[in-house]
PDB file of all heavy atoms in Angstrom:
ATOM      1  N   PHE A   1       0.858  -1.194   0.004  1.00  0.00           N
ATOM      2  CA  PHE A   1       0.013  -0.019  -0.012  1.00  0.00           C
ATOM      3  C   PHE A   1       0.885   1.219  -0.007  1.00  0.00           C
ATOM      4  O   PHE A   1       1.842   1.298   0.753  1.00  0.00           O
ATOM      5  CB  PHE A   1      -0.884   0.033   1.259  1.00  0.00           C
ATOM      6  CG  PHE A   1      -1.795  -1.164   1.350  1.00  0.00           C
ATOM      7  CD1 PHE A   1      -1.527  -2.153   2.313  1.00  0.00           C
ATOM      8  CD2 PHE A   1      -2.859  -1.314   0.540  1.00  0.00           C
ATOM      9  CE1 PHE A   1      -2.369  -3.248   2.420  1.00  0.00           C
ATOM     10  CE2 PHE A   1      -3.699  -2.420   0.642  1.00  0.00           C
ATOM     11  CZ  PHE A   1      -3.443  -3.386   1.592  1.00  0.00           C
ATOM     12  N   ASP A   2       0.558   2.183  -0.848  1.00  0.00           N
ATOM     13  CA  ASP A   2       1.317   3.432  -0.811  1.00  0.00           C
ATOM     14  C   ASP A   2       0.489   4.525  -0.183  1.00  0.00           C
ATOM     15  O   ASP A   2      -0.614   4.316   0.262  1.00  0.00           O
ATOM     16  CB  ASP A   2       1.816   3.810  -2.217  1.00  0.00           C
ATOM     17  CG  ASP A   2       0.690   4.077  -3.189  1.00  0.00           C
ATOM     18  OD1 ASP A   2      -0.423   4.298  -2.747  1.00  0.00           O
ATOM     19  OD2 ASP A   2       0.988   4.080  -4.384  1.00  0.00           O
ATOM     20  N   ASP A   3       1.040   5.729  -0.146  1.00  0.00           N
ATOM     21  CA  ASP A   3       0.339   6.826   0.548  1.00  0.00           C
ATOM     22  C   ASP A   3      -0.880   7.334  -0.215  1.00  0.00           C
ATOM     23  O   ASP A   3      -1.629   8.150   0.308  1.00  0.00           O
ATOM     24  CB  ASP A   3       1.311   7.997   0.816  1.00  0.00           C
ATOM     25  CG  ASP A   3       1.981   8.537  -0.454  1.00  0.00           C
ATOM     26  OD1 ASP A   3       1.868   7.904  -1.508  1.00  0.00           O
ATOM     27  OD2 ASP A   3       2.636   9.559  -0.360  1.00  0.00           O
ATOM     28  N   ARG A   4      -1.128   6.848  -1.416  1.00  0.00           N
ATOM     29  CA  ARG A   4      -2.325   7.248  -2.146  1.00  0.00           C
ATOM     30  C   ARG A   4      -3.516   6.326  -1.861  1.00  0.00           C
ATOM     31  O   ARG A   4      -4.640   6.629  -2.264  1.00  0.00           O
ATOM     32  CB  ARG A   4      -2.075   7.251  -3.660  1.00  0.00           C
ATOM     33  CG  ARG A   4      -1.033   8.279  -4.070  1.00  0.00           C
ATOM     34  CD  ARG A   4      -0.714   8.149  -5.520  1.00  0.00           C
ATOM     35  NE  ARG A   4      -0.209   6.783  -5.707  1.00  0.00           N
ATOM     36  CZ  ARG A   4       0.581   6.412  -6.669  1.00  0.00           C
ATOM     37  NH1 ARG A   4       0.928   7.240  -7.601  1.00  0.00           N
ATOM     38  NH2 ARG A   4       1.021   5.141  -6.775  1.00  0.00           N
ATOM     39  N   MET A   5      -3.282   5.213  -1.155  1.00  0.00           N
ATOM     40  CA  MET A   5      -4.353   4.290  -0.857  1.00  0.00           C
ATOM     41  C   MET A   5      -5.237   4.925   0.238  1.00  0.00           C
ATOM     42  O   MET A   5      -4.759   5.325   1.273  1.00  0.00           O
ATOM     43  CB  MET A   5      -3.789   2.968  -0.339  1.00  0.00           C
ATOM     44  CG  MET A   5      -4.826   1.966   0.063  1.00  0.00           C
ATOM     45  SD  MET A   5      -5.833   1.317  -1.263  1.00  0.00           S
ATOM     46  CE  MET A   5      -4.657   0.363  -2.129  1.00  0.00           C
ATOM     47  N   PRO A   6      -6.563   4.975   0.015  1.00  0.00           N
ATOM     48  CA  PRO A   6      -7.444   5.553   1.029  1.00  0.00           C
ATOM     49  C   PRO A   6      -7.367   4.729   2.336  1.00  0.00           C
ATOM     50  O   PRO A   6      -7.383   3.492   2.290  1.00  0.00           O
ATOM     51  CB  PRO A   6      -8.824   5.413   0.407  1.00  0.00           C
ATOM     52  CG  PRO A   6      -8.570   5.349  -1.076  1.00  0.00           C
ATOM     53  CD  PRO A   6      -7.256   4.640  -1.226  1.00  0.00           C
ATOM     54  N   PRO A   7      -7.278   5.430   3.451  1.00  0.00           N
ATOM     55  CA  PRO A   7      -7.122   4.730   4.731  1.00  0.00           C
ATOM     56  C   PRO A   7      -8.244   3.739   5.036  1.00  0.00           C
ATOM     57  O   PRO A   7      -8.013   2.695   5.640  1.00  0.00           O
ATOM     58  CB  PRO A   7      -7.128   5.864   5.768  1.00  0.00           C
ATOM     59  CG  PRO A   7      -6.699   7.068   5.008  1.00  0.00           C
ATOM     60  CD  PRO A   7      -7.199   6.872   3.593  1.00  0.00           C
ATOM     61  N   HIS A   8      -9.469   4.028   4.593  1.00  0.00           N
ATOM     62  CA  HIS A   8     -10.594   3.121   4.887  1.00  0.00           C
ATOM     63  C   HIS A   8     -10.395   1.801   4.160  1.00  0.00           C
ATOM     64  O   HIS A   8     -10.824   0.736   4.658  1.00  0.00           O
ATOM     65  CB  HIS A   8     -11.927   3.762   4.582  1.00  0.00           C
ATOM     66  CG  HIS A   8     -12.208   3.954   3.134  1.00  0.00           C
ATOM     67  ND1 HIS A   8     -11.727   5.073   2.427  1.00  0.00           N
ATOM     68  CD2 HIS A   8     -12.911   3.254   2.266  1.00  0.00           C
ATOM     69  CE1 HIS A   8     -12.128   4.981   1.169  1.00  0.00           C
ATOM     70  NE2 HIS A   8     -12.848   3.886   1.033  1.00  0.00           N
ATOM     71  N   LEU A   9      -9.759   1.792   2.972  1.00  0.00           N
ATOM     72  CA  LEU A   9      -9.509   0.541   2.261  1.00  0.00           C
ATOM     73  C   LEU A   9      -8.399  -0.288   2.958  1.00  0.00           C
ATOM     74  O   LEU A   9      -8.522  -1.501   3.009  1.00  0.00           O
ATOM     75  CB  LEU A   9      -9.125   0.794   0.813  1.00  0.00           C
ATOM     76  CG  LEU A   9     -10.229   1.417  -0.076  1.00  0.00           C
ATOM     77  CD1 LEU A   9      -9.727   1.644  -1.477  1.00  0.00           C
ATOM     78  CD2 LEU A   9     -11.456   0.509  -0.078  1.00  0.00           C
ATOM     79  N   ILE A  10      -7.412   0.392   3.453  1.00  0.00           N
ATOM     80  CA  ILE A  10      -6.367  -0.303   4.207  1.00  0.00           C
ATOM     81  C   ILE A  10      -6.959  -0.924   5.466  1.00  0.00           C
ATOM     82  O   ILE A  10      -6.674  -2.072   5.786  1.00  0.00           O
ATOM     83  CB  ILE A  10      -5.195   0.642   4.541  1.00  0.00           C
ATOM     84  CG1 ILE A  10      -4.501   1.136   3.270  1.00  0.00           C
ATOM     85  CG2 ILE A  10      -4.199  -0.043   5.486  1.00  0.00           C
ATOM     86  CD1 ILE A  10      -3.489   2.184   3.466  1.00  0.00           C
ATOM     87  N   ALA A  11      -7.803  -0.164   6.169  1.00  0.00           N
ATOM     88  CA  ALA A  11      -8.478  -0.677   7.366  1.00  0.00           C
ATOM     89  C   ALA A  11      -9.347  -1.875   7.035  1.00  0.00           C
ATOM     90  O   ALA A  11      -9.304  -2.899   7.763  1.00  0.00           O
ATOM     91  CB  ALA A  11      -9.292   0.399   8.046  1.00  0.00           C
ATOM     92  N   ALA A  12     -10.085  -1.798   5.950  1.00  0.00           N
ATOM     93  CA  ALA A  12     -10.962  -2.952   5.572  1.00  0.00           C
ATOM     94  C   ALA A  12     -10.122  -4.190   5.219  1.00  0.00           C
ATOM     95  O   ALA A  12     -10.488  -5.284   5.575  1.00  0.00           O
ATOM     96  CB  ALA A  12     -11.817  -2.530   4.401  1.00  0.00           C
ATOM     97  N   PHE A  13      -9.034  -3.984   4.519  1.00  0.00           N
ATOM     98  CA  PHE A  13      -8.151  -5.078   4.144  1.00  0.00           C
ATOM     99  C   PHE A  13      -7.581  -5.777   5.408  1.00  0.00           C
ATOM    100  O   PHE A  13      -7.641  -6.982   5.534  1.00  0.00           O
ATOM    101  CB  PHE A  13      -7.024  -4.585   3.248  1.00  0.00           C
ATOM    102  CG  PHE A  13      -6.007  -5.655   2.931  1.00  0.00           C
ATOM    103  CD1 PHE A  13      -6.257  -6.552   1.902  1.00  0.00           C
ATOM    104  CD2 PHE A  13      -4.843  -5.766   3.633  1.00  0.00           C
ATOM    105  CE1 PHE A  13      -5.338  -7.513   1.584  1.00  0.00           C
ATOM    106  CE2 PHE A  13      -3.910  -6.745   3.335  1.00  0.00           C
ATOM    107  CZ  PHE A  13      -4.180  -7.620   2.291  1.00  0.00           C
ATOM    108  N   THR A  14      -7.069  -4.988   6.321  1.00  0.00           N
ATOM    109  CA  THR A  14      -6.457  -5.540   7.514  1.00  0.00           C
ATOM    110  C   THR A  14      -7.513  -6.233   8.394  1.00  0.00           C
ATOM    111  O   THR A  14      -7.232  -7.252   9.022  1.00  0.00           O
ATOM    112  CB  THR A  14      -5.670  -4.521   8.325  1.00  0.00           C
ATOM    113  OG1 THR A  14      -6.501  -3.409   8.631  1.00  0.00           O
ATOM    114  CG2 THR A  14      -4.422  -4.080   7.546  1.00  0.00           C
ATOM    115  N   ARG A  15      -8.735  -5.669   8.462  1.00  0.00           N
ATOM    116  CA  ARG A  15      -9.798  -6.316   9.236  1.00  0.00           C
ATOM    117  C   ARG A  15     -10.129  -7.678   8.610  1.00  0.00           C
ATOM    118  O   ARG A  15     -10.268  -8.670   9.331  1.00  0.00           O
ATOM    119  CB  ARG A  15     -11.056  -5.438   9.245  1.00  0.00           C
ATOM    120  CG  ARG A  15     -11.171  -4.524  10.450  1.00  0.00           C
ATOM    121  CD  ARG A  15     -12.550  -3.933  10.589  1.00  0.00           C
ATOM    122  NE  ARG A  15     -13.072  -3.340   9.381  1.00  0.00           N
ATOM    123  CZ  ARG A  15     -12.892  -2.104   8.996  1.00  0.00           C
ATOM    124  NH1 ARG A  15     -12.156  -1.304   9.724  1.00  0.00           N
ATOM    125  NH2 ARG A  15     -13.382  -1.662   7.878  1.00  0.00           N
ATOM    126  N   ALA A  16     -10.295  -7.714   7.291  1.00  0.00           N
ATOM    127  CA  ALA A  16     -10.616  -8.954   6.616  1.00  0.00           C
ATOM    128  C   ALA A  16      -9.505  -9.975   6.795  1.00  0.00           C
ATOM    129  O   ALA A  16      -9.750 -11.158   6.941  1.00  0.00           O
ATOM    130  CB  ALA A  16     -10.885  -8.708   5.128  1.00  0.00           C
ATOM    131  N   LEU A  17      -8.277  -9.523   6.755  1.00  0.00           N
ATOM    132  CA  LEU A  17      -7.138 -10.419   6.883  1.00  0.00           C
ATOM    133  C   LEU A  17      -7.055 -11.022   8.297  1.00  0.00           C
ATOM    134  O   LEU A  17      -6.650 -12.170   8.468  1.00  0.00           O
ATOM    135  CB  LEU A  17      -5.853  -9.641   6.604  1.00  0.00           C
ATOM    136  CG  LEU A  17      -4.573 -10.445   6.405  1.00  0.00           C
ATOM    137  CD1 LEU A  17      -4.709 -11.392   5.223  1.00  0.00           C
ATOM    138  CD2 LEU A  17      -3.428  -9.495   6.142  1.00  0.00           C
ATOM    139  N   ALA A  18      -7.520 -10.278   9.280  1.00  0.00           N
ATOM    140  CA  ALA A  18      -7.428 -10.730  10.662  1.00  0.00           C
ATOM    141  C   ALA A  18      -8.647 -11.564  11.097  1.00  0.00           C
ATOM    142  O   ALA A  18      -8.628 -12.102  12.227  1.00  0.00           O
ATOM    143  CB  ALA A  18      -7.277  -9.528  11.601  1.00  0.00           C
ATOM    144  N   LEU A  19      -9.671 -11.683  10.293  1.00  0.00           N
ATOM    145  CA  LEU A  19     -10.849 -12.492  10.663  1.00  0.00           C
ATOM    146  C   LEU A  19     -10.458 -13.940  10.928  1.00  0.00           C
ATOM    147  O   LEU A  19      -9.624 -14.494  10.212  1.00  0.00           O
ATOM    148  CB  LEU A  19     -11.903 -12.443   9.583  1.00  0.00           C
ATOM    149  CG  LEU A  19     -12.642 -11.131   9.410  1.00  0.00           C
ATOM    150  CD1 LEU A  19     -13.589 -11.238   8.215  1.00  0.00           C
ATOM    151  CD2 LEU A  19     -13.417 -10.787  10.667  1.00  0.00           C
ATOM    152  N   ASP A  20     -11.046 -14.508  11.924  1.00  0.00           N
ATOM    153  CA  ASP A  20     -10.749 -15.936  12.194  1.00  0.00           C
ATOM    154  C   ASP A  20     -11.832 -16.885  11.728  1.00  0.00           C
ATOM    155  O   ASP A  20     -11.772 -18.070  11.972  1.00  0.00           O
ATOM    156  CB  ASP A  20     -10.483 -16.129  13.686  1.00  0.00           C
ATOM    157  CG  ASP A  20     -11.678 -15.829  14.557  1.00  0.00           C
ATOM    158  OD1 ASP A  20     -12.685 -15.309  14.020  1.00  0.00           O
ATOM    159  OD2 ASP A  20     -11.631 -16.080  15.759  1.00  0.00           O
ATOM    160  N   GLU A  21     -12.820 -16.394  11.011  1.00  0.00           N
ATOM    161  CA  GLU A  21     -13.854 -17.270  10.495  1.00  0.00           C
ATOM    162  C   GLU A  21     -13.358 -17.997   9.259  1.00  0.00           C
ATOM    163  O   GLU A  21     -12.504 -17.517   8.524  1.00  0.00           O
ATOM    164  CB  GLU A  21     -15.147 -16.522  10.221  1.00  0.00           C
ATOM    165  CG  GLU A  21     -15.031 -15.459   9.168  1.00  0.00           C
ATOM    166  CD  GLU A  21     -16.260 -14.571   9.090  1.00  0.00           C
ATOM    167  OE1 GLU A  21     -16.767 -14.163  10.141  1.00  0.00           O
ATOM    168  OE2 GLU A  21     -16.711 -14.320   7.975  1.00  0.00           O
ATOM    169  N   PRO A  22     -13.875 -19.215   9.024  1.00  0.00           N
ATOM    170  CA  PRO A  22     -13.404 -20.007   7.885  1.00  0.00           C
ATOM    171  C   PRO A  22     -13.740 -19.369   6.528  1.00  0.00           C
ATOM    172  O   PRO A  22     -14.690 -18.651   6.415  1.00  0.00           O
ATOM    173  CB  PRO A  22     -14.145 -21.317   8.039  1.00  0.00           C
ATOM    174  CG  PRO A  22     -14.979 -21.224   9.233  1.00  0.00           C
ATOM    175  CD  PRO A  22     -14.874 -19.863   9.807  1.00  0.00           C
ATOM    176  N   VAL A  23     -12.896 -19.633   5.561  1.00  0.00           N
ATOM    177  CA  VAL A  23     -13.105 -19.136   4.211  1.00  0.00           C
ATOM    178  C   VAL A  23     -13.356 -20.348   3.318  1.00  0.00           C
ATOM    179  O   VAL A  23     -12.619 -21.326   3.389  1.00  0.00           O
ATOM    180  CB  VAL A  23     -11.867 -18.348   3.724  1.00  0.00           C
ATOM    181  CG1 VAL A  23     -12.042 -17.933   2.290  1.00  0.00           C
ATOM    182  CG2 VAL A  23     -11.577 -17.192   4.629  1.00  0.00           C
ATOM    183  N   GLN A  24     -14.390 -20.253   2.491  1.00  0.00           N
ATOM    184  CA  GLN A  24     -14.701 -21.367   1.573  1.00  0.00           C
ATOM    185  C   GLN A  24     -13.718 -21.353   0.434  1.00  0.00           C
ATOM    186  O   GLN A  24     -13.548 -20.335  -0.257  1.00  0.00           O
ATOM    187  CB  GLN A  24     -16.133 -21.174   1.061  1.00  0.00           C
ATOM    188  CG  GLN A  24     -16.659 -22.335   0.281  1.00  0.00           C
ATOM    189  CD  GLN A  24     -17.105 -23.481   1.215  1.00  0.00           C
ATOM    190  OE1 GLN A  24     -17.287 -23.288   2.374  1.00  0.00           O
ATOM    191  NE2 GLN A  24     -17.266 -24.641   0.635  1.00  0.00           N
ATOM    192  N   ARG A  25     -13.032 -22.471   0.214  1.00  0.00           N
ATOM    193  CA  ARG A  25     -12.071 -22.594  -0.870  1.00  0.00           C
ATOM    194  C   ARG A  25     -12.274 -23.936  -1.565  1.00  0.00           C
ATOM    195  O   ARG A  25     -12.756 -24.885  -0.996  1.00  0.00           O
ATOM    196  CB  ARG A  25     -10.629 -22.544  -0.335  1.00  0.00           C
ATOM    197  CG  ARG A  25     -10.228 -21.211   0.204  1.00  0.00           C
ATOM    198  CD  ARG A  25      -8.743 -21.204   0.479  1.00  0.00           C
ATOM    199  NE  ARG A  25      -8.291 -19.884   0.799  1.00  0.00           N
ATOM    200  CZ  ARG A  25      -8.098 -19.453   2.038  1.00  0.00           C
ATOM    201  NH1 ARG A  25      -8.321 -20.257   3.038  1.00  0.00           N
ATOM    202  NH2 ARG A  25      -7.667 -18.236   2.266  1.00  0.00           N
ATOM    203  N   ARG A  26     -11.816 -23.993  -2.799  1.00  0.00           N
ATOM    204  CA  ARG A  26     -11.848 -25.268  -3.531  1.00  0.00           C
ATOM    205  C   ARG A  26     -10.689 -26.130  -3.041  1.00  0.00           C
ATOM    206  O   ARG A  26      -9.744 -25.652  -2.413  1.00  0.00           O
ATOM    207  CB  ARG A  26     -11.718 -25.033  -5.038  1.00  0.00           C
ATOM    208  CG  ARG A  26     -12.949 -24.333  -5.576  1.00  0.00           C
ATOM    209  CD  ARG A  26     -12.775 -24.127  -7.077  1.00  0.00           C
ATOM    210  NE  ARG A  26     -11.469 -23.509  -7.312  1.00  0.00           N
ATOM    211  CZ  ARG A  26     -11.194 -22.701  -8.321  1.00  0.00           C
ATOM    212  NH1 ARG A  26     -12.081 -22.427  -9.185  1.00  0.00           N
ATOM    213  NH2 ARG A  26     -10.001 -22.217  -8.477  1.00  0.00           N
ATOM    214  N   HIS A  27     -10.751 -27.415  -3.360  1.00  0.00           N
ATOM    215  CA  HIS A  27      -9.797 -28.378  -2.834  1.00  0.00           C
ATOM    216  C   HIS A  27      -8.342 -27.992  -3.094  1.00  0.00           C
ATOM    217  O   HIS A  27      -7.476 -28.066  -2.205  1.00  0.00           O
ATOM    218  CB  HIS A  27     -10.099 -29.761  -3.410  1.00  0.00           C
ATOM    219  CG  HIS A  27      -9.179 -30.823  -2.871  1.00  0.00           C
ATOM    220  ND1 HIS A  27      -9.251 -31.234  -1.542  1.00  0.00           N
ATOM    221  CD2 HIS A  27      -8.228 -31.544  -3.458  1.00  0.00           C
ATOM    222  CE1 HIS A  27      -8.334 -32.163  -1.359  1.00  0.00           C
ATOM    223  NE2 HIS A  27      -7.718 -32.399  -2.480  1.00  0.00           N
ATOM    224  N   TYR A  28      -7.983 -27.546  -4.282  1.00  0.00           N
ATOM    225  CA  TYR A  28      -6.566 -27.301  -4.628  1.00  0.00           C
ATOM    226  C   TYR A  28      -6.170 -25.814  -4.526  1.00  0.00           C
ATOM    227  O   TYR A  28      -5.127 -25.430  -5.018  1.00  0.00           O
ATOM    228  CB  TYR A  28      -6.248 -27.840  -6.009  1.00  0.00           C
ATOM    229  CG  TYR A  28      -6.374 -29.356  -6.051  1.00  0.00           C
ATOM    230  CD1 TYR A  28      -7.480 -29.961  -6.654  1.00  0.00           C
ATOM    231  CD2 TYR A  28      -5.402 -30.144  -5.450  1.00  0.00           C
ATOM    232  CE1 TYR A  28      -7.578 -31.334  -6.669  1.00  0.00           C
ATOM    233  CE2 TYR A  28      -5.528 -31.522  -5.459  1.00  0.00           C
ATOM    234  CZ  TYR A  28      -6.607 -32.121  -6.065  1.00  0.00           C
ATOM    235  OH  TYR A  28      -6.737 -33.466  -6.060  1.00  0.00           O
ATOM    236  N   ASP A  29      -6.985 -24.977  -3.916  1.00  0.00           N
ATOM    237  CA  ASP A  29      -6.676 -23.560  -3.766  1.00  0.00           C
ATOM    238  C   ASP A  29      -5.633 -23.303  -2.687  1.00  0.00           C
ATOM    239  O   ASP A  29      -5.040 -22.235  -2.645  1.00  0.00           O
ATOM    240  CB  ASP A  29      -7.940 -22.756  -3.459  1.00  0.00           C
ATOM    241  CG  ASP A  29      -8.785 -22.510  -4.661  1.00  0.00           C
ATOM    242  OD1 ASP A  29      -8.315 -22.803  -5.796  1.00  0.00           O
ATOM    243  OD2 ASP A  29      -9.930 -22.072  -4.511  1.00  0.00           O
ATOM    244  N   VAL A  30      -5.420 -24.254  -1.761  1.00  0.00           N
ATOM    245  CA  VAL A  30      -4.468 -24.066  -0.722  1.00  0.00           C
ATOM    246  C   VAL A  30      -3.233 -24.940  -0.995  1.00  0.00           C
ATOM    247  O   VAL A  30      -3.343 -26.147  -1.165  1.00  0.00           O
ATOM    248  CB  VAL A  30      -5.072 -24.506   0.655  1.00  0.00           C
ATOM    249  CG1 VAL A  30      -4.095 -24.337   1.784  1.00  0.00           C
ATOM    250  CG2 VAL A  30      -6.348 -23.698   0.943  1.00  0.00           C
ATOM    251  N   PRO A  31      -2.044 -24.284  -1.134  1.00  0.00           N
ATOM    252  CA  PRO A  31      -0.871 -25.050  -1.544  1.00  0.00           C
ATOM    253  C   PRO A  31      -0.346 -26.038  -0.528  1.00  0.00           C
ATOM    254  O   PRO A  31       0.368 -26.964  -0.870  1.00  0.00           O
ATOM    255  CB  PRO A  31       0.151 -23.957  -1.849  1.00  0.00           C
ATOM    256  CG  PRO A  31      -0.299 -22.804  -1.010  1.00  0.00           C
ATOM    257  CD  PRO A  31      -1.752 -22.881  -0.925  1.00  0.00           C
ATOM    258  N   HIS A  32      -0.669 -25.830   0.749  1.00  0.00           N
ATOM    259  CA  HIS A  32      -0.135 -26.705   1.786  1.00  0.00           C
ATOM    260  C   HIS A  32      -1.319 -27.386   2.475  1.00  0.00           C
ATOM    261  O   HIS A  32      -2.007 -26.782   3.293  1.00  0.00           O
ATOM    262  CB  HIS A  32       0.698 -25.923   2.820  1.00  0.00           C
ATOM    263  CG  HIS A  32       1.787 -25.109   2.175  1.00  0.00           C
ATOM    264  ND1 HIS A  32       2.902 -25.717   1.611  1.00  0.00           N
ATOM    265  CD2 HIS A  32       1.923 -23.816   1.994  1.00  0.00           C
ATOM    266  CE1 HIS A  32       3.667 -24.773   1.128  1.00  0.00           C
ATOM    267  NE2 HIS A  32       3.119 -23.605   1.344  1.00  0.00           N
ATOM    268  N   SER A  33      -1.560 -28.665   2.178  1.00  0.00           N
ATOM    269  CA  SER A  33      -2.727 -29.335   2.658  1.00  0.00           C
ATOM    270  C   SER A  33      -2.754 -29.456   4.197  1.00  0.00           C
ATOM    271  O   SER A  33      -3.803 -29.596   4.802  1.00  0.00           O
ATOM    272  CB  SER A  33      -2.869 -30.719   2.027  1.00  0.00           C
ATOM    273  OG  SER A  33      -1.728 -31.484   2.355  1.00  0.00           O
ATOM    274  N   HIS A  34      -1.585 -29.416   4.838  1.00  0.00           N
ATOM    275  CA  HIS A  34      -1.558 -29.520   6.289  1.00  0.00           C
ATOM    276  C   HIS A  34      -2.126 -28.293   6.969  1.00  0.00           C
ATOM    277  O   HIS A  34      -2.368 -28.289   8.163  1.00  0.00           O
ATOM    278  CB  HIS A  34      -0.114 -29.812   6.804  1.00  0.00           C
ATOM    279  CG  HIS A  34       0.832 -28.660   6.565  1.00  0.00           C
ATOM    280  ND1 HIS A  34       1.440 -28.480   5.360  1.00  0.00           N
ATOM    281  CD2 HIS A  34       1.225 -27.707   7.390  1.00  0.00           C
ATOM    282  CE1 HIS A  34       2.223 -27.410   5.430  1.00  0.00           C
ATOM    283  NE2 HIS A  34       2.120 -26.909   6.625  1.00  0.00           N
ATOM    284  N   LEU A  35      -2.357 -27.194   6.217  1.00  0.00           N
ATOM    285  CA  LEU A  35      -2.905 -25.963   6.773  1.00  0.00           C
ATOM    286  C   LEU A  35      -4.432 -25.966   6.692  1.00  0.00           C
ATOM    287  O   LEU A  35      -5.036 -25.010   7.173  1.00  0.00           O
ATOM    288  CB  LEU A  35      -2.355 -24.745   6.017  1.00  0.00           C
ATOM    289  CG  LEU A  35      -0.857 -24.532   6.060  1.00  0.00           C
ATOM    290  CD1 LEU A  35      -0.498 -23.324   5.169  1.00  0.00           C
ATOM    291  CD2 LEU A  35      -0.416 -24.293   7.495  1.00  0.00           C
ATOM    292  N   VAL A  36      -5.023 -26.988   6.111  1.00  0.00           N
ATOM    293  CA  VAL A  36      -6.441 -26.991   5.850  1.00  0.00           C
ATOM    294  C   VAL A  36      -7.185 -27.848   6.866  1.00  0.00           C
ATOM    295  O   VAL A  36      -6.759 -28.948   7.173  1.00  0.00           O
ATOM    296  CB  VAL A  36      -6.732 -27.544   4.433  1.00  0.00           C
ATOM    297  CG1 VAL A  36      -8.248 -27.607   4.183  1.00  0.00           C
ATOM    298  CG2 VAL A  36      -6.046 -26.710   3.399  1.00  0.00           C
ATOM    299  N   THR A  37      -8.240 -27.277   7.405  1.00  0.00           N
ATOM    300  CA  THR A  37      -9.155 -28.042   8.242  1.00  0.00           C
ATOM    301  C   THR A  37     -10.427 -28.283   7.445  1.00  0.00           C
ATOM    302  O   THR A  37     -11.044 -27.326   6.984  1.00  0.00           O
ATOM    303  CB  THR A  37      -9.503 -27.253   9.539  1.00  0.00           C
ATOM    304  OG1 THR A  37      -8.284 -26.982  10.210  1.00  0.00           O
ATOM    305  CG2 THR A  37     -10.441 -28.061  10.418  1.00  0.00           C
ATOM    306  N   GLN A  38     -10.790 -29.498   7.239  1.00  0.00           N
ATOM    307  CA  GLN A  38     -11.998 -29.836   6.442  1.00  0.00           C
ATOM    308  C   GLN A  38     -13.225 -29.646   7.311  1.00  0.00           C
ATOM    309  O   GLN A  38     -13.313 -30.165   8.406  1.00  0.00           O
ATOM    310  CB  GLN A  38     -11.912 -31.267   5.947  1.00  0.00           C
ATOM    311  CG  GLN A  38     -10.785 -31.511   4.986  1.00  0.00           C
ATOM    312  CD  GLN A  38     -10.942 -30.758   3.662  1.00  0.00           C
ATOM    313  OE1 GLN A  38     -12.068 -30.552   3.226  1.00  0.00           O
ATOM    314  NE2 GLN A  38      -9.855 -30.364   3.084  1.00  0.00           N
ATOM    315  N   LEU A  39     -14.188 -28.924   6.754  1.00  0.00           N
ATOM    316  CA  LEU A  39     -15.489 -28.798   7.410  1.00  0.00           C
ATOM    317  C   LEU A  39     -16.381 -29.902   6.871  1.00  0.00           C
ATOM    318  O   LEU A  39     -16.561 -30.021   5.661  1.00  0.00           O
ATOM    319  CB  LEU A  39     -16.105 -27.420   7.134  1.00  0.00           C
ATOM    320  CG  LEU A  39     -15.309 -26.207   7.664  1.00  0.00           C
ATOM    321  CD1 LEU A  39     -16.004 -24.910   7.205  1.00  0.00           C
ATOM    322  CD2 LEU A  39     -15.251 -26.258   9.142  1.00  0.00           C
ATOM    323  N   GLN A  40     -16.975 -30.637   7.771  1.00  0.00           N
ATOM    324  CA  GLN A  40     -17.861 -31.724   7.325  1.00  0.00           C
ATOM    325  C   GLN A  40     -19.179 -31.173   6.773  1.00  0.00           C
ATOM    326  O   GLN A  40     -19.675 -31.629   5.761  1.00  0.00           O
ATOM    327  CB  GLN A  40     -18.122 -32.686   8.488  1.00  0.00           C
ATOM    328  CG  GLN A  40     -16.844 -33.400   8.957  1.00  0.00           C
ATOM    329  CD  GLN A  40     -16.205 -34.189   7.852  1.00  0.00           C
ATOM    330  OE1 GLN A  40     -16.852 -34.818   7.035  1.00  0.00           O
ATOM    331  NE2 GLN A  40     -14.889 -34.170   7.844  1.00  0.00           N
ATOM    332  N   ASN A  41     -19.770 -30.269   7.482  1.00  0.00           N
ATOM    333  CA  ASN A  41     -21.075 -29.741   7.073  1.00  0.00           C
ATOM    334  C   ASN A  41     -21.027 -28.208   6.967  1.00  0.00           C
ATOM    335  O   ASN A  41     -21.762 -27.510   7.618  1.00  0.00           O
ATOM    336  CB  ASN A  41     -22.160 -30.153   8.089  1.00  0.00           C
ATOM    337  CG  ASN A  41     -22.345 -31.646   8.112  1.00  0.00           C
ATOM    338  OD1 ASN A  41     -22.309 -32.280   7.054  1.00  0.00           O
ATOM    339  ND2 ASN A  41     -22.567 -32.206   9.290  1.00  0.00           N
TER     340      ASN A  41
END
């Protein structure tokens, strides 16, 4: 991010990055399978 990036977009990005809720991904979207927790339902 440079100094032209609006502060509210930087704040939104960092908030989204820090969320601890699961993200829906396809099977091969994660390069390291040991980092993935499979949700059954």
